[in-house]
């Protein structure tokens, strides 16, 4: 298998963190593409990923997975330990709920904020300043909400570390583009970040 990824991009980062947490980051052939230089839009890469999506996992039979969560689902089946997506159907449903909440309510607004507000992204984005402002507002609102949720537990989706924490940590990493990190007004989010920093996925 071969994994195509991009440094500092949150969705590729989710897959890399997933592999690191499972101790399998050295099991796949990897190729890094530079999004700012549009290396993901070349004809050669479109033969792998027709929609120019990253990350992309090319399987041994030539087929390609291009959605980060779909890639993680495949890797979860291939490398089941440690379990990150649910030990049974009930737990998997709650983990997916939290993972989707983080993705749609935190990662997506962060992407709007950065892609439409940071000068570096003018190379790949027709920026809309109002969308950046809307993204910032949504991101900060969700950060406060997550801080409240984490007051009662150590991890995003419950009592153990899961893919929902990976998605949240990748979001937090992307926030550094806009020079944001949780401050003293978000103590539970900061404590959660520090716990994740001690895990293999943050290496």
N, C-alpha and C. Protein backbone atom coordinates (compact mmCIF):
# COMPACT_ATOMS: atom_id res chain seq x y z
N UNK A 1 0.84 -1.19 0.00
CA UNK A 1 0.00 0.00 0.00
C UNK A 1 0.88 1.24 0.00
N UNK A 2 0.28 2.33 -0.50
CA UNK A 2 1.00 3.60 -0.51
C UNK A 2 0.08 4.71 -0.05
N UNK A 3 0.56 5.52 0.89
CA UNK A 3 -0.23 6.63 1.42
C UNK A 3 0.34 7.94 0.89
N UNK A 4 -0.52 8.71 0.23
CA UNK A 4 -0.17 10.05 -0.21
C UNK A 4 -0.70 11.03 0.83
N UNK A 5 0.14 11.94 1.28
CA UNK A 5 -0.27 12.84 2.34
C UNK A 5 0.35 14.22 2.12
N UNK A 6 -0.01 15.15 2.99
CA UNK A 6 0.52 16.51 2.93
C UNK A 6 0.81 16.97 4.34
N UNK A 7 1.97 17.55 4.54
CA UNK A 7 2.37 18.01 5.87
C UNK A 7 1.49 19.16 6.33
N UNK A 8 1.06 19.10 7.58
CA UNK A 8 0.31 20.14 8.27
C UNK A 8 -1.16 20.25 7.82
N UNK A 9 -1.57 19.53 6.80
CA UNK A 9 -2.98 19.54 6.40
C UNK A 9 -3.76 18.63 7.35
N UNK A 10 -4.88 19.08 7.88
CA UNK A 10 -5.53 18.32 8.97
C UNK A 10 -6.03 16.94 8.58
N UNK A 11 -6.59 16.76 7.40
CA UNK A 11 -7.10 15.44 7.05
C UNK A 11 -5.99 14.42 6.83
N UNK A 12 -4.93 14.74 6.10
CA UNK A 12 -3.80 13.82 6.07
C UNK A 12 -3.20 13.57 7.45
N UNK A 13 -3.19 14.61 8.27
CA UNK A 13 -2.65 14.47 9.62
C UNK A 13 -3.46 13.47 10.44
N UNK A 14 -4.76 13.45 10.23
CA UNK A 14 -5.61 12.49 10.96
C UNK A 14 -5.17 11.06 10.67
N UNK A 15 -4.90 10.77 9.42
CA UNK A 15 -4.51 9.41 9.04
C UNK A 15 -3.12 9.07 9.58
N UNK A 16 -2.19 10.01 9.50
CA UNK A 16 -0.85 9.76 10.03
C UNK A 16 -0.90 9.52 11.53
N UNK A 17 -1.70 10.32 12.25
CA UNK A 17 -1.84 10.13 13.68
C UNK A 17 -2.47 8.78 14.01
N UNK A 18 -3.44 8.38 13.21
CA UNK A 18 -4.10 7.10 13.38
C UNK A 18 -3.08 5.96 13.27
N UNK A 19 -2.23 6.04 12.25
CA UNK A 19 -1.20 5.02 12.05
C UNK A 19 -0.18 5.03 13.19
N UNK A 20 0.22 6.22 13.64
CA UNK A 20 1.18 6.31 14.74
C UNK A 20 0.62 5.70 16.01
N UNK A 21 -0.65 5.97 16.28
CA UNK A 21 -1.27 5.44 17.50
C UNK A 21 -1.29 3.91 17.47
N UNK A 22 -1.40 3.35 16.28
CA UNK A 22 -1.41 1.90 16.13
C UNK A 22 0.00 1.31 16.00
N UNK A 23 1.00 2.18 15.96
CA UNK A 23 2.37 1.71 15.81
C UNK A 23 2.68 1.17 14.44
N UNK A 24 1.97 1.67 13.42
CA UNK A 24 2.12 1.13 12.07
C UNK A 24 2.56 2.18 11.05
N UNK A 25 3.05 3.31 11.52
CA UNK A 25 3.42 4.39 10.60
C UNK A 25 4.56 4.00 9.67
N UNK A 26 5.34 2.99 10.07
CA UNK A 26 6.46 2.56 9.22
C UNK A 26 6.09 1.37 8.34
N UNK A 27 4.82 1.00 8.32
CA UNK A 27 4.39 -0.17 7.55
C UNK A 27 3.97 0.17 6.12
N UNK A 28 3.77 1.45 5.83
CA UNK A 28 3.27 1.86 4.53
C UNK A 28 4.31 2.68 3.78
N UNK A 29 4.34 2.50 2.48
CA UNK A 29 5.10 3.40 1.62
C UNK A 29 4.37 4.74 1.63
N UNK A 30 5.11 5.85 1.73
CA UNK A 30 4.48 7.16 1.82
C UNK A 30 5.09 8.14 0.83
N UNK A 31 4.24 9.03 0.33
CA UNK A 31 4.71 10.11 -0.53
C UNK A 31 4.04 11.40 -0.09
N UNK A 32 4.85 12.41 0.20
CA UNK A 32 4.33 13.70 0.63
C UNK A 32 4.18 14.64 -0.55
N UNK A 33 3.03 15.28 -0.65
CA UNK A 33 2.77 16.26 -1.69
C UNK A 33 2.64 17.64 -1.06
N UNK A 34 3.03 18.66 -1.82
CA UNK A 34 2.95 20.04 -1.35
C UNK A 34 1.68 20.68 -1.90
N UNK A 35 0.70 20.89 -1.02
CA UNK A 35 -0.58 21.45 -1.45
C UNK A 35 -0.42 22.88 -1.95
N UNK A 36 0.38 23.68 -1.27
CA UNK A 36 0.54 25.09 -1.65
C UNK A 36 1.10 25.20 -3.07
N UNK A 37 1.92 24.22 -3.47
CA UNK A 37 2.47 24.22 -4.83
C UNK A 37 1.61 23.40 -5.78
N UNK A 38 0.41 23.02 -5.33
CA UNK A 38 -0.58 22.32 -6.15
C UNK A 38 -0.08 20.99 -6.71
N UNK A 39 0.79 20.32 -5.95
CA UNK A 39 1.27 19.02 -6.40
C UNK A 39 0.17 17.97 -6.40
N UNK A 40 -0.92 18.24 -5.67
CA UNK A 40 -2.04 17.30 -5.65
C UNK A 40 -2.95 17.47 -6.86
N UNK A 41 -2.67 18.45 -7.71
CA UNK A 41 -3.50 18.69 -8.88
C UNK A 41 -2.80 18.34 -10.19
N UNK A 42 -1.70 17.63 -10.11
CA UNK A 42 -1.00 17.22 -11.32
C UNK A 42 -1.76 16.08 -12.00
N UNK A 43 -1.51 15.91 -13.28
CA UNK A 43 -2.14 14.81 -14.01
C UNK A 43 -1.73 13.47 -13.43
N UNK A 44 -0.48 13.37 -13.00
CA UNK A 44 0.01 12.10 -12.44
C UNK A 44 -0.76 11.73 -11.18
N UNK A 45 -0.99 12.72 -10.29
CA UNK A 45 -1.71 12.40 -9.06
C UNK A 45 -3.19 12.18 -9.33
N UNK A 46 -3.74 12.85 -10.32
CA UNK A 46 -5.16 12.63 -10.63
C UNK A 46 -5.42 11.21 -11.13
N UNK A 47 -4.39 10.53 -11.59
CA UNK A 47 -4.55 9.12 -11.96
C UNK A 47 -4.75 8.28 -10.70
N UNK A 48 -4.23 8.76 -9.58
CA UNK A 48 -4.41 8.08 -8.30
C UNK A 48 -5.71 8.53 -7.65
N UNK A 49 -5.89 9.85 -7.60
CA UNK A 49 -7.04 10.46 -6.92
C UNK A 49 -7.70 11.45 -7.89
N UNK A 50 -8.70 11.01 -8.63
CA UNK A 50 -9.29 11.85 -9.69
C UNK A 50 -9.80 13.21 -9.20
N UNK A 51 -10.20 13.32 -7.93
CA UNK A 51 -10.68 14.59 -7.40
C UNK A 51 -9.58 15.38 -6.70
N UNK A 52 -8.34 14.93 -6.87
CA UNK A 52 -7.17 15.60 -6.26
C UNK A 52 -7.26 15.66 -4.75
N UNK A 53 -7.85 14.65 -4.12
CA UNK A 53 -8.03 14.64 -2.67
C UNK A 53 -6.83 14.03 -1.96
N UNK A 54 -6.50 14.62 -0.82
CA UNK A 54 -5.51 14.09 0.10
C UNK A 54 -6.14 14.00 1.48
N UNK A 55 -5.83 12.94 2.23
CA UNK A 55 -4.93 11.85 1.90
C UNK A 55 -5.54 10.88 0.89
N UNK A 56 -4.68 10.05 0.34
CA UNK A 56 -5.13 9.00 -0.57
C UNK A 56 -4.33 7.74 -0.26
N UNK A 57 -5.04 6.64 -0.11
CA UNK A 57 -4.40 5.36 0.18
C UNK A 57 -4.59 4.44 -1.02
N UNK A 58 -3.49 4.14 -1.70
CA UNK A 58 -3.54 3.24 -2.85
C UNK A 58 -3.33 1.82 -2.35
N UNK A 59 -4.34 0.98 -2.57
CA UNK A 59 -4.27 -0.40 -2.10
C UNK A 59 -3.43 -1.25 -3.03
N UNK A 60 -3.09 -2.44 -2.56
CA UNK A 60 -2.23 -3.32 -3.34
C UNK A 60 -2.87 -3.74 -4.65
N UNK A 61 -4.20 -3.75 -4.71
CA UNK A 61 -4.88 -4.15 -5.95
C UNK A 61 -5.10 -2.97 -6.90
N UNK A 62 -4.58 -1.78 -6.53
CA UNK A 62 -4.68 -0.62 -7.41
C UNK A 62 -5.83 0.32 -7.10
N UNK A 63 -6.81 -0.12 -6.31
CA UNK A 63 -7.89 0.78 -5.93
C UNK A 63 -7.39 1.83 -4.94
N UNK A 64 -8.14 2.93 -4.83
CA UNK A 64 -7.69 4.03 -3.99
C UNK A 64 -8.81 4.54 -3.10
N UNK A 65 -8.51 4.71 -1.82
CA UNK A 65 -9.41 5.35 -0.86
C UNK A 65 -8.95 6.79 -0.65
N UNK A 66 -9.91 7.73 -0.63
CA UNK A 66 -9.50 9.13 -0.55
C UNK A 66 -10.18 9.94 0.55
N UNK A 67 -11.05 9.38 1.33
CA UNK A 67 -11.64 10.11 2.46
C UNK A 67 -10.93 9.67 3.74
N UNK A 68 -10.51 10.63 4.56
CA UNK A 68 -9.67 10.29 5.71
C UNK A 68 -10.34 9.29 6.64
N UNK A 69 -11.63 9.46 6.89
CA UNK A 69 -12.29 8.52 7.81
C UNK A 69 -12.44 7.15 7.18
N UNK A 70 -12.68 7.10 5.86
CA UNK A 70 -12.75 5.81 5.17
C UNK A 70 -11.40 5.10 5.23
N UNK A 71 -10.33 5.86 5.06
CA UNK A 71 -8.99 5.28 5.17
C UNK A 71 -8.76 4.72 6.57
N UNK A 72 -9.15 5.50 7.58
CA UNK A 72 -9.00 5.03 8.96
C UNK A 72 -9.84 3.78 9.23
N UNK A 73 -11.03 3.72 8.68
CA UNK A 73 -11.87 2.53 8.84
C UNK A 73 -11.18 1.31 8.24
N UNK A 74 -10.59 1.47 7.07
CA UNK A 74 -9.87 0.37 6.43
C UNK A 74 -8.68 -0.06 7.29
N UNK A 75 -7.92 0.93 7.79
CA UNK A 75 -6.75 0.63 8.61
C UNK A 75 -7.15 -0.01 9.95
N UNK A 76 -8.30 0.38 10.48
CA UNK A 76 -8.79 -0.22 11.72
C UNK A 76 -9.03 -1.71 11.54
N UNK A 77 -9.57 -2.09 10.37
CA UNK A 77 -9.77 -3.50 10.09
C UNK A 77 -8.47 -4.24 9.87
N UNK A 78 -7.52 -3.57 9.25
CA UNK A 78 -6.22 -4.19 8.95
C UNK A 78 -5.36 -4.32 10.20
N UNK A 79 -5.41 -3.29 11.03
CA UNK A 79 -4.62 -3.26 12.26
C UNK A 79 -5.58 -3.01 13.44
N UNK A 80 -6.25 -4.03 13.94
CA UNK A 80 -7.34 -3.82 14.91
C UNK A 80 -6.90 -3.36 16.30
N UNK A 81 -5.63 -3.51 16.64
CA UNK A 81 -5.18 -3.13 17.98
C UNK A 81 -4.15 -2.01 17.92
N UNK A 82 -4.28 -1.00 18.77
CA UNK A 82 -5.40 -0.76 19.69
C UNK A 82 -6.64 -0.28 18.96
N UNK A 83 -7.78 -0.63 19.48
CA UNK A 83 -9.04 -0.23 18.88
C UNK A 83 -9.25 1.28 19.06
N UNK A 84 -9.59 1.97 17.98
CA UNK A 84 -9.80 3.41 18.02
C UNK A 84 -11.18 3.85 17.52
N UNK A 85 -11.99 2.90 17.04
CA UNK A 85 -13.26 3.27 16.42
C UNK A 85 -14.46 2.56 17.02
N UNK A 86 -14.26 1.82 18.10
CA UNK A 86 -15.39 1.18 18.76
C UNK A 86 -15.24 -0.32 18.86
N UNK A 87 -15.34 -0.84 20.09
CA UNK A 87 -15.20 -2.27 20.31
C UNK A 87 -16.46 -3.04 19.95
N UNK A 88 -17.61 -2.37 19.93
CA UNK A 88 -18.86 -2.99 19.52
C UNK A 88 -19.70 -1.92 18.82
N UNK A 89 -20.86 -2.32 18.30
CA UNK A 89 -21.67 -1.39 17.51
C UNK A 89 -22.11 -0.17 18.31
N UNK A 90 -22.45 -0.38 19.57
CA UNK A 90 -22.92 0.74 20.39
C UNK A 90 -21.80 1.76 20.62
N UNK A 91 -20.63 1.26 21.02
CA UNK A 91 -19.53 2.20 21.24
C UNK A 91 -19.12 2.88 19.94
N UNK A 92 -19.11 2.12 18.84
CA UNK A 92 -18.74 2.69 17.54
C UNK A 92 -19.68 3.82 17.15
N UNK A 93 -20.96 3.66 17.45
CA UNK A 93 -21.94 4.70 17.10
C UNK A 93 -21.67 5.99 17.87
N UNK A 94 -21.37 5.88 19.16
CA UNK A 94 -21.10 7.08 19.96
C UNK A 94 -19.77 7.72 19.57
N UNK A 95 -18.77 6.90 19.26
CA UNK A 95 -17.49 7.45 18.81
C UNK A 95 -17.67 8.18 17.49
N UNK A 96 -18.43 7.58 16.57
CA UNK A 96 -18.66 8.24 15.29
C UNK A 96 -19.43 9.54 15.47
N UNK A 97 -20.39 9.55 16.38
CA UNK A 97 -21.13 10.78 16.65
C UNK A 97 -20.18 11.91 17.07
N UNK A 98 -19.29 11.60 18.00
CA UNK A 98 -18.36 12.63 18.47
C UNK A 98 -17.34 13.01 17.42
N UNK A 99 -16.89 12.03 16.66
CA UNK A 99 -15.93 12.33 15.60
C UNK A 99 -16.55 13.25 14.56
N UNK A 100 -17.79 13.00 14.21
CA UNK A 100 -18.48 13.85 13.23
C UNK A 100 -18.74 15.24 13.80
N UNK A 101 -19.09 15.31 15.09
CA UNK A 101 -19.29 16.62 15.71
C UNK A 101 -18.00 17.45 15.63
N UNK A 102 -16.90 16.84 15.99
CA UNK A 102 -15.62 17.55 15.93
C UNK A 102 -15.30 17.96 14.51
N UNK A 103 -15.50 17.05 13.58
CA UNK A 103 -15.19 17.32 12.17
C UNK A 103 -16.03 18.47 11.61
N UNK A 104 -17.33 18.42 11.84
CA UNK A 104 -18.23 19.40 11.23
C UNK A 104 -18.30 20.71 12.01
N UNK A 105 -18.15 20.64 13.33
CA UNK A 105 -18.34 21.83 14.16
C UNK A 105 -17.03 22.53 14.53
N UNK A 106 -15.90 21.83 14.35
CA UNK A 106 -14.62 22.42 14.76
C UNK A 106 -13.60 22.43 13.62
N UNK A 107 -13.40 21.28 12.99
CA UNK A 107 -12.42 21.22 11.90
C UNK A 107 -12.87 22.02 10.69
N UNK A 108 -14.12 21.89 10.30
CA UNK A 108 -14.60 22.61 9.12
C UNK A 108 -14.54 24.13 9.31
N UNK A 109 -15.04 24.69 10.42
CA UNK A 109 -14.87 26.13 10.63
C UNK A 109 -13.41 26.57 10.67
N UNK A 110 -12.55 25.72 11.26
CA UNK A 110 -11.12 26.05 11.28
C UNK A 110 -10.58 26.15 9.86
N UNK A 111 -11.00 25.23 9.00
CA UNK A 111 -10.56 25.25 7.60
C UNK A 111 -11.03 26.52 6.90
N UNK A 112 -12.28 26.92 7.16
CA UNK A 112 -12.77 28.18 6.57
C UNK A 112 -11.94 29.36 7.05
N UNK A 113 -11.69 29.39 8.34
CA UNK A 113 -10.94 30.49 8.94
C UNK A 113 -9.55 30.62 8.30
N UNK A 114 -8.85 29.50 8.20
CA UNK A 114 -7.48 29.53 7.67
C UNK A 114 -7.44 29.69 6.16
N UNK A 115 -8.21 28.86 5.46
CA UNK A 115 -8.12 28.86 4.00
C UNK A 115 -8.60 30.18 3.39
N UNK A 116 -9.52 30.85 4.07
CA UNK A 116 -10.05 32.11 3.54
C UNK A 116 -9.48 33.33 4.25
N UNK A 117 -8.56 33.11 5.21
CA UNK A 117 -8.04 34.25 5.95
C UNK A 117 -6.53 34.36 6.02
N UNK A 118 -5.81 33.28 5.70
CA UNK A 118 -4.36 33.32 5.80
C UNK A 118 -3.75 33.57 4.42
N UNK A 119 -2.80 34.50 4.32
CA UNK A 119 -2.22 34.85 3.02
C UNK A 119 -1.62 33.67 2.26
N UNK A 120 -1.10 32.67 2.96
CA UNK A 120 -0.45 31.54 2.29
C UNK A 120 -1.42 30.77 1.40
N UNK A 121 -2.72 30.81 1.76
CA UNK A 121 -3.69 30.01 1.02
C UNK A 121 -4.23 30.70 -0.23
N UNK A 122 -3.75 31.90 -0.51
CA UNK A 122 -4.16 32.55 -1.76
C UNK A 122 -3.69 31.76 -2.97
N UNK A 123 -2.68 30.91 -2.79
CA UNK A 123 -2.17 30.10 -3.89
C UNK A 123 -3.16 29.03 -4.32
N UNK A 124 -4.07 28.64 -3.42
CA UNK A 124 -4.97 27.53 -3.74
C UNK A 124 -6.44 27.88 -3.53
N UNK A 125 -6.74 29.08 -3.03
CA UNK A 125 -8.11 29.41 -2.65
C UNK A 125 -8.48 30.81 -3.14
N UNK A 126 -9.67 30.94 -3.73
CA UNK A 126 -10.23 32.26 -4.00
C UNK A 126 -10.88 32.72 -2.69
N UNK A 127 -10.15 33.49 -1.92
CA UNK A 127 -10.55 33.75 -0.55
C UNK A 127 -11.77 34.65 -0.44
N UNK A 128 -12.62 34.30 0.54
CA UNK A 128 -13.81 35.06 0.86
C UNK A 128 -13.68 35.50 2.32
N UNK A 129 -13.33 36.75 2.58
CA UNK A 129 -13.08 37.20 3.96
C UNK A 129 -14.24 36.93 4.91
N UNK A 130 -15.47 37.08 4.44
CA UNK A 130 -16.61 36.83 5.32
C UNK A 130 -16.66 35.37 5.77
N UNK A 131 -16.23 34.46 4.91
CA UNK A 131 -16.22 33.05 5.28
C UNK A 131 -15.14 32.78 6.32
N UNK A 132 -14.01 33.49 6.23
CA UNK A 132 -12.98 33.37 7.26
C UNK A 132 -13.51 33.84 8.62
N UNK A 133 -14.19 34.97 8.62
CA UNK A 133 -14.74 35.50 9.87
C UNK A 133 -15.79 34.55 10.45
N UNK A 134 -16.62 34.00 9.59
CA UNK A 134 -17.63 33.05 10.04
C UNK A 134 -16.98 31.79 10.61
N UNK A 135 -15.91 31.33 9.94
CA UNK A 135 -15.20 30.16 10.42
C UNK A 135 -14.58 30.39 11.78
N UNK A 136 -13.95 31.56 11.95
CA UNK A 136 -13.34 31.88 13.24
C UNK A 136 -14.38 31.87 14.35
N UNK A 137 -15.51 32.49 14.10
CA UNK A 137 -16.57 32.55 15.11
C UNK A 137 -17.05 31.15 15.48
N UNK A 138 -17.29 30.31 14.49
CA UNK A 138 -17.75 28.95 14.75
C UNK A 138 -16.71 28.12 15.47
N UNK A 139 -15.46 28.26 15.06
CA UNK A 139 -14.37 27.52 15.70
C UNK A 139 -14.26 27.88 17.18
N UNK A 140 -14.28 29.17 17.49
CA UNK A 140 -14.13 29.61 18.88
C UNK A 140 -15.33 29.20 19.73
N UNK A 141 -16.51 29.23 19.13
CA UNK A 141 -17.71 28.80 19.86
C UNK A 141 -17.61 27.33 20.21
N UNK A 142 -17.15 26.51 19.27
CA UNK A 142 -17.04 25.08 19.53
C UNK A 142 -15.92 24.78 20.52
N UNK A 143 -14.84 25.56 20.48
CA UNK A 143 -13.76 25.38 21.45
C UNK A 143 -14.30 25.54 22.87
N UNK A 144 -15.11 26.55 23.06
CA UNK A 144 -15.69 26.79 24.39
C UNK A 144 -16.62 25.65 24.78
N UNK A 145 -17.42 25.18 23.83
CA UNK A 145 -18.33 24.06 24.09
C UNK A 145 -17.56 22.79 24.45
N UNK A 146 -16.48 22.49 23.68
CA UNK A 146 -15.68 21.32 23.96
C UNK A 146 -15.02 21.40 25.34
N UNK A 147 -14.58 22.60 25.70
CA UNK A 147 -13.99 22.78 27.01
C UNK A 147 -14.99 22.39 28.10
N UNK A 148 -16.24 22.76 27.92
CA UNK A 148 -17.27 22.38 28.87
C UNK A 148 -17.51 20.89 28.90
N UNK A 149 -17.51 20.25 27.73
CA UNK A 149 -17.71 18.81 27.66
C UNK A 149 -16.57 18.06 28.35
N UNK A 150 -15.36 18.56 28.19
CA UNK A 150 -14.19 17.89 28.75
C UNK A 150 -14.03 18.12 30.24
N UNK A 151 -14.90 18.91 30.82
CA UNK A 151 -14.88 19.08 32.27
C UNK A 151 -15.26 17.80 32.99
N UNK A 152 -16.01 16.94 32.32
CA UNK A 152 -16.51 15.74 32.97
C UNK A 152 -15.85 14.45 32.54
N UNK A 153 -14.87 14.51 31.63
CA UNK A 153 -14.20 13.29 31.18
C UNK A 153 -12.84 13.65 30.58
N UNK A 154 -12.00 12.64 30.42
CA UNK A 154 -10.64 12.87 29.92
C UNK A 154 -10.57 12.93 28.40
N UNK A 155 -11.50 12.24 27.72
CA UNK A 155 -11.39 12.10 26.26
C UNK A 155 -12.67 12.55 25.58
N UNK A 156 -12.56 12.89 24.33
CA UNK A 156 -13.66 13.53 23.60
C UNK A 156 -14.89 12.65 23.56
N UNK A 157 -14.73 11.36 23.24
CA UNK A 157 -15.89 10.50 23.02
C UNK A 157 -16.25 9.63 24.22
N UNK A 158 -15.54 9.79 25.34
CA UNK A 158 -15.87 8.96 26.48
C UNK A 158 -14.70 8.70 27.39
N UNK A 159 -14.56 7.45 27.80
CA UNK A 159 -13.59 7.10 28.82
C UNK A 159 -12.24 6.68 28.26
N UNK A 160 -12.11 6.62 26.94
CA UNK A 160 -10.82 6.23 26.37
C UNK A 160 -10.51 7.02 25.11
N UNK A 161 -9.25 6.99 24.72
CA UNK A 161 -8.77 7.70 23.55
C UNK A 161 -9.30 7.03 22.28
N UNK A 162 -9.82 7.84 21.35
CA UNK A 162 -10.38 7.30 20.11
C UNK A 162 -10.05 8.21 18.93
N UNK A 163 -10.59 7.84 17.78
CA UNK A 163 -10.42 8.64 16.57
C UNK A 163 -10.98 10.05 16.75
N UNK A 164 -11.97 10.23 17.62
CA UNK A 164 -12.51 11.56 17.87
C UNK A 164 -11.45 12.48 18.45
N UNK A 165 -10.59 11.94 19.29
CA UNK A 165 -9.49 12.72 19.84
C UNK A 165 -8.47 13.05 18.76
N UNK A 166 -8.24 12.12 17.86
CA UNK A 166 -7.31 12.36 16.75
C UNK A 166 -7.82 13.50 15.88
N UNK A 167 -9.10 13.48 15.54
CA UNK A 167 -9.67 14.55 14.71
C UNK A 167 -9.57 15.89 15.43
N UNK A 168 -9.84 15.90 16.73
CA UNK A 168 -9.76 17.15 17.49
C UNK A 168 -8.32 17.65 17.58
N UNK A 169 -7.37 16.73 17.75
CA UNK A 169 -5.98 17.15 17.88
C UNK A 169 -5.44 17.65 16.54
N UNK A 170 -5.86 17.03 15.43
CA UNK A 170 -5.46 17.52 14.11
C UNK A 170 -6.03 18.92 13.88
N UNK A 171 -7.23 19.15 14.36
CA UNK A 171 -7.83 20.48 14.26
C UNK A 171 -7.02 21.50 15.04
N UNK A 172 -6.64 21.12 16.25
CA UNK A 172 -5.85 22.00 17.09
C UNK A 172 -4.49 22.30 16.44
N UNK A 173 -3.92 21.30 15.79
CA UNK A 173 -2.66 21.52 15.10
C UNK A 173 -2.81 22.51 13.95
N UNK A 174 -3.92 22.40 13.22
CA UNK A 174 -4.18 23.31 12.10
C UNK A 174 -4.40 24.73 12.61
N UNK A 175 -4.93 24.85 13.82
CA UNK A 175 -5.20 26.18 14.39
C UNK A 175 -3.92 26.98 14.58
N UNK A 176 -2.79 26.29 14.65
CA UNK A 176 -1.52 27.00 14.80
C UNK A 176 -1.23 27.89 13.60
N UNK A 177 -1.81 27.54 12.45
CA UNK A 177 -1.65 28.39 11.26
C UNK A 177 -2.15 29.80 11.55
N UNK A 178 -3.22 29.88 12.35
CA UNK A 178 -3.80 31.18 12.71
C UNK A 178 -3.31 31.65 14.08
N UNK A 179 -2.22 31.01 14.56
CA UNK A 179 -1.58 31.37 15.83
C UNK A 179 -2.55 31.29 17.01
N UNK A 180 -3.39 30.24 16.98
CA UNK A 180 -4.36 30.05 18.07
C UNK A 180 -4.00 28.79 18.85
N UNK A 181 -4.13 28.87 20.15
CA UNK A 181 -4.03 27.72 21.03
C UNK A 181 -4.92 27.99 22.23
N UNK A 182 -5.38 26.94 22.90
CA UNK A 182 -6.28 27.17 24.04
C UNK A 182 -5.59 27.92 25.16
N UNK A 183 -6.23 28.97 25.64
CA UNK A 183 -5.67 29.79 26.70
C UNK A 183 -6.16 29.37 28.07
N UNK A 184 -5.90 30.21 29.05
CA UNK A 184 -6.28 29.90 30.42
C UNK A 184 -7.79 29.87 30.62
N UNK A 185 -8.52 30.46 29.67
CA UNK A 185 -9.98 30.43 29.76
C UNK A 185 -10.56 29.11 29.30
N UNK A 186 -9.71 28.22 28.80
CA UNK A 186 -10.15 26.90 28.33
C UNK A 186 -9.31 25.82 29.02
N UNK A 187 -9.38 25.72 30.34
CA UNK A 187 -8.48 24.82 31.08
C UNK A 187 -8.68 23.35 30.76
N UNK A 188 -9.91 22.93 30.50
CA UNK A 188 -10.16 21.51 30.23
C UNK A 188 -9.64 21.12 28.85
N UNK A 189 -9.77 22.01 27.90
CA UNK A 189 -9.24 21.76 26.56
C UNK A 189 -7.72 21.71 26.60
N UNK A 190 -7.11 22.58 27.39
CA UNK A 190 -5.66 22.57 27.54
C UNK A 190 -5.18 21.28 28.20
N UNK A 191 -5.88 20.83 29.23
CA UNK A 191 -5.50 19.59 29.90
C UNK A 191 -5.64 18.40 28.97
N UNK A 192 -6.70 18.40 28.18
CA UNK A 192 -6.88 17.33 27.18
C UNK A 192 -5.74 17.35 26.17
N UNK A 193 -5.39 18.53 25.67
CA UNK A 193 -4.28 18.65 24.73
C UNK A 193 -3.00 18.07 25.32
N UNK A 194 -2.73 18.37 26.57
CA UNK A 194 -1.52 17.87 27.22
C UNK A 194 -1.55 16.35 27.34
N UNK A 195 -2.73 15.77 27.58
CA UNK A 195 -2.82 14.30 27.62
C UNK A 195 -2.52 13.69 26.27
N UNK A 196 -3.06 14.29 25.21
CA UNK A 196 -2.80 13.77 23.86
C UNK A 196 -1.32 13.89 23.51
N UNK A 197 -0.69 14.97 23.95
CA UNK A 197 0.72 15.19 23.65
C UNK A 197 1.62 14.07 24.17
N UNK A 198 1.15 13.32 25.14
CA UNK A 198 1.93 12.23 25.72
C UNK A 198 1.74 10.92 24.97
N UNK A 199 0.87 10.90 23.96
CA UNK A 199 0.53 9.66 23.27
C UNK A 199 1.41 9.46 22.03
N UNK A 200 1.47 8.22 21.51
CA UNK A 200 2.27 7.93 20.31
C UNK A 200 1.87 8.77 19.11
N UNK A 201 0.58 9.08 18.96
CA UNK A 201 0.11 9.80 17.79
C UNK A 201 0.66 11.21 17.70
N UNK A 202 1.11 11.75 18.82
CA UNK A 202 1.64 13.12 18.83
C UNK A 202 3.14 13.18 18.65
N UNK A 203 3.77 12.00 18.50
CA UNK A 203 5.23 11.97 18.36
C UNK A 203 5.66 12.65 17.06
